[in-house]
């Protein structure tokens, strides 16, 4: 199964993070993992609901890429789902986004087998604001629209200054009240960097 449903406990603490920051990050990840029981190996043998089935995930810079204003460049976090998410007072909690290992060191940050091999330092996500009936993000604006090749695209538009670093590792996730999925599957992870870091 390409994108099996995962289950997660709240992440273990890592002593290398200052206490105040550790509490904040733990709260972030517990919000992602809340209400879900852990299954050894991280994958449950069940069908993936379409609104949690991540077909692809990408983080990209949007031109123009002005070298004199790196922090102001537009960055888009984009997840393509097999089915459209809904956000109404009747819907369960939902969130879509990426968990980020900003220092690219799995021995720091917060750890959970469901998020391996990351040491998670931050999260960028679109969360369902049920009262408003829309997805919102503290990182920037959110759009939910049909994808050009099918599926539904959840996009979070921010800036280089709005992401934790100019280079990092990440795992995309989709979450509702009971289930959590990720892409890529463990132990793989994605990588992102500003264009200057990607040019040989």
C-alpha atoms as a PDB file:
ATOM      1  CA  UNK A   1       0.000   0.000   0.000  1.00  0.00           C
ATOM      2  CA  UNK A   2       1.539   3.262  -1.183  1.00  0.00           C
ATOM      3  CA  UNK A   3       0.186   5.503   1.548  1.00  0.00           C
ATOM      4  CA  UNK A   4      -0.968   3.438   4.504  1.00  0.00           C
ATOM      5  CA  UNK A   5      -2.830   4.986   7.414  1.00  0.00           C
ATOM      6  CA  UNK A   6      -0.478   5.592  10.319  1.00  0.00           C
ATOM      7  CA  UNK A   7      -1.164   5.888  14.003  1.00  0.00           C
ATOM      8  CA  UNK A   8       0.971   7.786  16.489  1.00  0.00           C
ATOM      9  CA  UNK A   9       1.467   8.476  20.154  1.00  0.00           C
ATOM     10  CA  UNK A  10       2.608  11.897  21.320  1.00  0.00           C
ATOM     11  CA  UNK A  11       6.332  12.272  20.558  1.00  0.00           C
ATOM     12  CA  UNK A  12       9.144  11.516  22.952  1.00  0.00           C
ATOM     13  CA  UNK A  13      11.119  14.418  24.368  1.00  0.00           C
ATOM     14  CA  UNK A  14      14.677  15.118  23.348  1.00  0.00           C
ATOM     15  CA  UNK A  15      16.804  16.792  26.066  1.00  0.00           C
ATOM     16  CA  UNK A  16      18.767  18.903  23.563  1.00  0.00           C
ATOM     17  CA  UNK A  17      15.826  21.323  23.088  1.00  0.00           C
ATOM     18  CA  UNK A  18      15.358  24.151  25.653  1.00  0.00           C
ATOM     19  CA  UNK A  19      12.406  23.396  27.946  1.00  0.00           C
ATOM     20  CA  UNK A  20      10.109  26.240  26.809  1.00  0.00           C
ATOM     21  CA  UNK A  21      10.608  25.429  23.120  1.00  0.00           C
ATOM     22  CA  UNK A  22      10.262  21.709  23.793  1.00  0.00           C
ATOM     23  CA  UNK A  23       6.854  22.265  25.418  1.00  0.00           C
ATOM     24  CA  UNK A  24       5.689  24.309  22.427  1.00  0.00           C
ATOM     25  CA  UNK A  25       6.843  21.720  19.876  1.00  0.00           C
ATOM     26  CA  UNK A  26       5.413  18.881  21.914  1.00  0.00           C
ATOM     27  CA  UNK A  27       2.043  20.650  21.932  1.00  0.00           C
ATOM     28  CA  UNK A  28       2.261  21.073  18.144  1.00  0.00           C
ATOM     29  CA  UNK A  29       2.942  17.393  17.540  1.00  0.00           C
ATOM     30  CA  UNK A  30       0.416  16.234  20.109  1.00  0.00           C
ATOM     31  CA  UNK A  31      -2.162  18.286  18.211  1.00  0.00           C
ATOM     32  CA  UNK A  32      -1.227  16.365  15.075  1.00  0.00           C
ATOM     33  CA  UNK A  33      -1.201  12.978  16.810  1.00  0.00           C
ATOM     34  CA  UNK A  34      -4.074  13.581  19.260  1.00  0.00           C
ATOM     35  CA  UNK A  35      -6.600  10.833  19.706  1.00  0.00           C
ATOM     36  CA  UNK A  36      -4.696   8.230  17.728  1.00  0.00           C
ATOM     37  CA  UNK A  37      -3.363   4.964  19.176  1.00  0.00           C
ATOM     38  CA  UNK A  38       0.010   3.536  18.230  1.00  0.00           C
ATOM     39  CA  UNK A  39       0.396   0.363  16.200  1.00  0.00           C
ATOM     40  CA  UNK A  40       3.819  -1.360  16.105  1.00  0.00           C
ATOM     41  CA  UNK A  41       5.517  -0.671  12.796  1.00  0.00           C
ATOM     42  CA  UNK A  42       3.435   2.438  12.211  1.00  0.00           C
ATOM     43  CA  UNK A  43       1.100   1.093   9.510  1.00  0.00           C
ATOM     44  CA  UNK A  44      -2.421  -0.249   9.854  1.00  0.00           C
ATOM     45  CA  UNK A  45      -3.821  -2.692   7.313  1.00  0.00           C
ATOM     46  CA  UNK A  46      -6.827  -0.589   6.293  1.00  0.00           C
ATOM     47  CA  UNK A  47      -7.941   1.496   3.363  1.00  0.00           C
ATOM     48  CA  UNK A  48      -6.861   5.121   3.284  1.00  0.00           C
ATOM     49  CA  UNK A  49      -9.761   7.620   3.253  1.00  0.00           C
ATOM     50  CA  UNK A  50      -9.516   9.728   0.056  1.00  0.00           C
ATOM     51  CA  UNK A  51      -9.182  12.997   2.005  1.00  0.00           C
ATOM     52  CA  UNK A  52      -6.105  11.546   3.762  1.00  0.00           C
ATOM     53  CA  UNK A  53      -4.562   9.841   0.728  1.00  0.00           C
ATOM     54  CA  UNK A  54      -1.587  12.072  -0.185  1.00  0.00           C
ATOM     55  CA  UNK A  55      -0.795  11.597  -3.871  1.00  0.00           C
ATOM     56  CA  UNK A  56       2.109  14.058  -3.925  1.00  0.00           C
ATOM     57  CA  UNK A  57       3.724  16.770  -1.833  1.00  0.00           C
ATOM     58  CA  UNK A  58       6.052  19.563  -2.897  1.00  0.00           C
ATOM     59  CA  UNK A  59       7.599  22.724  -1.480  1.00  0.00           C
ATOM     60  CA  UNK A  60       8.600  25.257  -4.120  1.00  0.00           C
ATOM     61  CA  UNK A  61       9.851  28.789  -4.517  1.00  0.00           C
ATOM     62  CA  UNK A  62       7.818  30.946  -6.890  1.00  0.00           C
ATOM     63  CA  UNK A  63       9.625  33.331  -9.302  1.00  0.00           C
ATOM     64  CA  UNK A  64      10.862  36.019  -9.336  1.00  0.00           C
ATOM     65  CA  UNK A  65      13.732  34.742  -7.176  1.00  0.00           C
ATOM     66  CA  UNK A  66      15.382  38.030  -6.206  1.00  0.00           C
ATOM     67  CA  UNK A  67      18.813  37.327  -4.634  1.00  0.00           C
ATOM     68  CA  UNK A  68      18.627  40.722  -2.899  1.00  0.00           C
ATOM     69  CA  UNK A  69      15.414  39.841  -1.046  1.00  0.00           C
ATOM     70  CA  UNK A  70      15.630  36.153  -0.210  1.00  0.00           C
ATOM     71  CA  UNK A  71      13.354  36.378   2.826  1.00  0.00           C
ATOM     72  CA  UNK A  72      10.556  37.966   0.791  1.00  0.00           C
ATOM     73  CA  UNK A  73      10.454  35.241  -1.859  1.00  0.00           C
ATOM     74  CA  UNK A  74       7.197  33.327  -2.110  1.00  0.00           C
ATOM     75  CA  UNK A  75       7.232  29.694  -0.973  1.00  0.00           C
ATOM     76  CA  UNK A  76       4.297  27.316  -1.562  1.00  0.00           C
ATOM     77  CA  UNK A  77       3.694  24.115   0.387  1.00  0.00           C
ATOM     78  CA  UNK A  78       1.417  21.960  -1.761  1.00  0.00           C
ATOM     79  CA  UNK A  79      -0.245  18.612  -1.015  1.00  0.00           C
ATOM     80  CA  UNK A  80      -2.350  16.803  -3.621  1.00  0.00           C
ATOM     81  CA  UNK A  81      -5.005  14.535  -2.087  1.00  0.00           C
ATOM     82  CA  UNK A  82      -7.074  11.786  -3.699  1.00  0.00           C
ATOM     83  CA  UNK A  83     -10.272  13.283  -2.289  1.00  0.00           C
ATOM     84  CA  UNK A  84     -11.465  16.727  -1.268  1.00  0.00           C
ATOM     85  CA  UNK A  85     -11.299  17.631   2.427  1.00  0.00           C
ATOM     86  CA  UNK A  86     -14.322  19.339   3.965  1.00  0.00           C
ATOM     87  CA  UNK A  87     -14.349  21.883   6.775  1.00  0.00           C
ATOM     88  CA  UNK A  88     -17.664  22.485   8.549  1.00  0.00           C
ATOM     89  CA  UNK A  89     -18.791  22.381  12.206  1.00  0.00           C
ATOM     90  CA  UNK A  90     -19.929  18.791  11.573  1.00  0.00           C
ATOM     91  CA  UNK A  91     -16.520  17.623  10.330  1.00  0.00           C
ATOM     92  CA  UNK A  92     -13.792  16.087  12.487  1.00  0.00           C
ATOM     93  CA  UNK A  93     -10.540  17.928  13.078  1.00  0.00           C
ATOM     94  CA  UNK A  94      -8.394  17.981   9.939  1.00  0.00           C
ATOM     95  CA  UNK A  95      -4.885  19.272   9.213  1.00  0.00           C
ATOM     96  CA  UNK A  96      -2.623  19.062   6.153  1.00  0.00           C
ATOM     97  CA  UNK A  97       0.983  20.147   5.893  1.00  0.00           C
ATOM     98  CA  UNK A  98       4.604  19.284   6.567  1.00  0.00           C
ATOM     99  CA  UNK A  99       6.620  18.392   9.650  1.00  0.00           C
ATOM    100  CA  UNK A 100      10.083  19.946   9.430  1.00  0.00           C
ATOM    101  CA  UNK A 101      13.537  18.946  10.649  1.00  0.00           C
ATOM    102  CA  UNK A 102      15.121  22.393  10.387  1.00  0.00           C
ATOM    103  CA  UNK A 103      18.658  21.424  11.402  1.00  0.00           C
ATOM    104  CA  UNK A 104      18.502  18.134   9.419  1.00  0.00           C
ATOM    105  CA  UNK A 105      19.632  16.250  12.530  1.00  0.00           C
ATOM    106  CA  UNK A 106      17.345  13.402  13.656  1.00  0.00           C
ATOM    107  CA  UNK A 107      19.034  13.358  17.074  1.00  0.00           C
ATOM    108  CA  UNK A 108      17.562  16.786  17.915  1.00  0.00           C
ATOM    109  CA  UNK A 109      13.954  17.924  17.918  1.00  0.00           C
ATOM    110  CA  UNK A 110      10.996  15.717  18.802  1.00  0.00           C
ATOM    111  CA  UNK A 111      10.814  12.084  17.792  1.00  0.00           C
ATOM    112  CA  UNK A 112       8.043   9.632  17.042  1.00  0.00           C
ATOM    113  CA  UNK A 113       8.216   6.415  14.985  1.00  0.00           C
ATOM    114  CA  UNK A 114       5.389   7.743  12.790  1.00  0.00           C
ATOM    115  CA  UNK A 115       7.588  10.719  11.814  1.00  0.00           C
ATOM    116  CA  UNK A 116      10.902   8.858  11.422  1.00  0.00           C
ATOM    117  CA  UNK A 117      13.586   9.685  10.402  1.00  0.00           C
ATOM    118  CA  UNK A 118      12.938  13.301  11.421  1.00  0.00           C
ATOM    119  CA  UNK A 119      13.777  15.130  14.604  1.00  0.00           C
ATOM    120  CA  UNK A 120      10.826  17.507  14.253  1.00  0.00           C
ATOM    121  CA  UNK A 121      11.513  21.176  14.961  1.00  0.00           C
ATOM    122  CA  UNK A 122       8.482  22.851  13.348  1.00  0.00           C
ATOM    123  CA  UNK A 123       5.222  22.375  11.497  1.00  0.00           C
ATOM    124  CA  UNK A 124       3.592  24.267   8.628  1.00  0.00           C
ATOM    125  CA  UNK A 125      -0.021  23.238   8.154  1.00  0.00           C
ATOM    126  CA  UNK A 126      -3.518  24.168   7.045  1.00  0.00           C
ATOM    127  CA  UNK A 127      -5.971  23.425   9.840  1.00  0.00           C
ATOM    128  CA  UNK A 128      -9.753  23.298   9.653  1.00  0.00           C
ATOM    129  CA  UNK A 129     -11.354  26.265  11.419  1.00  0.00           C
ATOM    130  CA  UNK A 130     -14.765  24.659  11.796  1.00  0.00           C
ATOM    131  CA  UNK A 131     -16.455  27.843  13.028  1.00  0.00           C
ATOM    132  CA  UNK A 132     -15.281  29.766   9.960  1.00  0.00           C
ATOM    133  CA  UNK A 133     -15.803  26.813   7.631  1.00  0.00           C
ATOM    134  CA  UNK A 134     -12.372  27.112   6.040  1.00  0.00           C
ATOM    135  CA  UNK A 135      -8.773  25.974   6.306  1.00  0.00           C
ATOM    136  CA  UNK A 136      -6.354  28.454   7.862  1.00  0.00           C
ATOM    137  CA  UNK A 137      -2.621  28.580   8.570  1.00  0.00           C
ATOM    138  CA  UNK A 138      -0.430  30.671  10.816  1.00  0.00           C
ATOM    139  CA  UNK A 139       2.242  30.530   8.099  1.00  0.00           C
ATOM    140  CA  UNK A 140       0.213  32.267   5.375  1.00  0.00           C
ATOM    141  CA  UNK A 141      -2.800  31.990   3.080  1.00  0.00           C
ATOM    142  CA  UNK A 142      -4.523  28.677   2.245  1.00  0.00           C
ATOM    143  CA  UNK A 143      -6.309  27.537  -0.892  1.00  0.00           C
ATOM    144  CA  UNK A 144      -8.133  24.256  -1.515  1.00  0.00           C
ATOM    145  CA  UNK A 145      -8.877  23.621  -5.185  1.00  0.00           C
ATOM    146  CA  UNK A 146      -9.215  20.838  -7.780  1.00  0.00           C
ATOM    147  CA  UNK A 147      -5.838  19.717  -9.131  1.00  0.00           C
ATOM    148  CA  UNK A 148      -5.042  20.072 -12.847  1.00  0.00           C
ATOM    149  CA  UNK A 149      -4.364  16.343 -13.075  1.00  0.00           C
ATOM    150  CA  UNK A 150      -7.129  15.233 -10.726  1.00  0.00           C
ATOM    151  CA  UNK A 151      -7.422  15.110  -6.965  1.00  0.00           C
ATOM    152  CA  UNK A 152      -7.555  18.134  -4.668  1.00  0.00           C
ATOM    153  CA  UNK A 153      -4.652  20.483  -3.991  1.00  0.00           C
ATOM    154  CA  UNK A 154      -4.179  22.050  -0.548  1.00  0.00           C
ATOM    155  CA  UNK A 155      -1.728  24.958  -0.850  1.00  0.00           C
ATOM    156  CA  UNK A 156      -0.150  27.104   1.863  1.00  0.00           C
ATOM    157  CA  UNK A 157       1.511  30.253   0.542  1.00  0.00           C
ATOM    158  CA  UNK A 158       4.206  31.785   2.734  1.00  0.00           C
ATOM    159  CA  UNK A 159       7.699  33.267   2.284  1.00  0.00           C
ATOM    160  CA  UNK A 160      11.277  32.127   2.810  1.00  0.00           C
ATOM    161  CA  UNK A 161      11.189  34.168   6.023  1.00  0.00           C
ATOM    162  CA  UNK A 162       8.073  32.214   7.027  1.00  0.00           C
ATOM    163  CA  UNK A 163       9.748  28.787   6.942  1.00  0.00           C
ATOM    164  CA  UNK A 164      12.148  27.611   9.656  1.00  0.00           C
ATOM    165  CA  UNK A 165      15.350  27.691   7.584  1.00  0.00           C
ATOM    166  CA  UNK A 166      16.701  28.027   4.041  1.00  0.00           C
ATOM    167  CA  UNK A 167      17.286  24.260   3.892  1.00  0.00           C
ATOM    168  CA  UNK A 168      15.550  21.437   5.738  1.00  0.00           C
ATOM    169  CA  UNK A 169      14.149  17.905   5.679  1.00  0.00           C
ATOM    170  CA  UNK A 170      10.406  17.269   5.878  1.00  0.00           C
ATOM    171  CA  UNK A 171       7.568  14.747   5.825  1.00  0.00           C
ATOM    172  CA  UNK A 172       4.120  15.665   4.490  1.00  0.00           C
ATOM    173  CA  UNK A 173       1.154  14.641   6.620  1.00  0.00           C
ATOM    174  CA  UNK A 174      -2.636  14.543   6.552  1.00  0.00           C
ATOM    175  CA  UNK A 175      -4.606  14.174   9.785  1.00  0.00           C
ATOM    176  CA  UNK A 176      -8.161  13.882  11.017  1.00  0.00           C
ATOM    177  CA  UNK A 177      -9.601  12.900  14.414  1.00  0.00           C
ATOM    178  CA  UNK A 178      -8.479   9.286  14.195  1.00  0.00           C
ATOM    179  CA  UNK A 179      -6.054   8.757  11.323  1.00  0.00           C
ATOM    180  CA  UNK A 180      -2.681  10.120  10.252  1.00  0.00           C
ATOM    181  CA  UNK A 181      -0.999   9.536   6.896  1.00  0.00           C
ATOM    182  CA  UNK A 182       2.401  10.631   5.652  1.00  0.00           C
ATOM    183  CA  UNK A 183       4.386  10.940   2.449  1.00  0.00           C
ATOM    184  CA  UNK A 184       6.991   9.677   1.768  1.00  0.00           C
ATOM    185  CA  UNK A 185       6.661   6.456   3.742  1.00  0.00           C
ATOM    186  CA  UNK A 186       9.111   5.771   6.567  1.00  0.00           C
ATOM    187  CA  UNK A 187      12.130   5.762   6.535  1.00  0.00           C
ATOM    188  CA  UNK A 188      12.178   8.186   3.587  1.00  0.00           C
ATOM    189  CA  UNK A 189      11.836  11.968   3.855  1.00  0.00           C
ATOM    190  CA  UNK A 190      11.745  14.984   1.549  1.00  0.00           C
ATOM    191  CA  UNK A 191      14.313  17.774   1.271  1.00  0.00           C
ATOM    192  CA  UNK A 192      13.924  21.446   0.422  1.00  0.00           C
ATOM    193  CA  UNK A 193      16.342  24.364   0.003  1.00  0.00           C
ATOM    194  CA  UNK A 194      16.384  27.794  -1.590  1.00  0.00           C
ATOM    195  CA  UNK A 195      17.628  27.706  -5.169  1.00  0.00           C
ATOM    196  CA  UNK A 196      21.125  28.928  -4.254  1.00  0.00           C
ATOM    197  CA  UNK A 197      21.612  25.813  -2.118  1.00  0.00           C
ATOM    198  CA  UNK A 198      20.423  23.540  -4.939  1.00  0.00           C
ATOM    199  CA  UNK A 199      22.691  24.917  -7.689  1.00  0.00           C
ATOM    200  CA  UNK A 200      25.928  22.855  -7.941  1.00  0.00           C
END
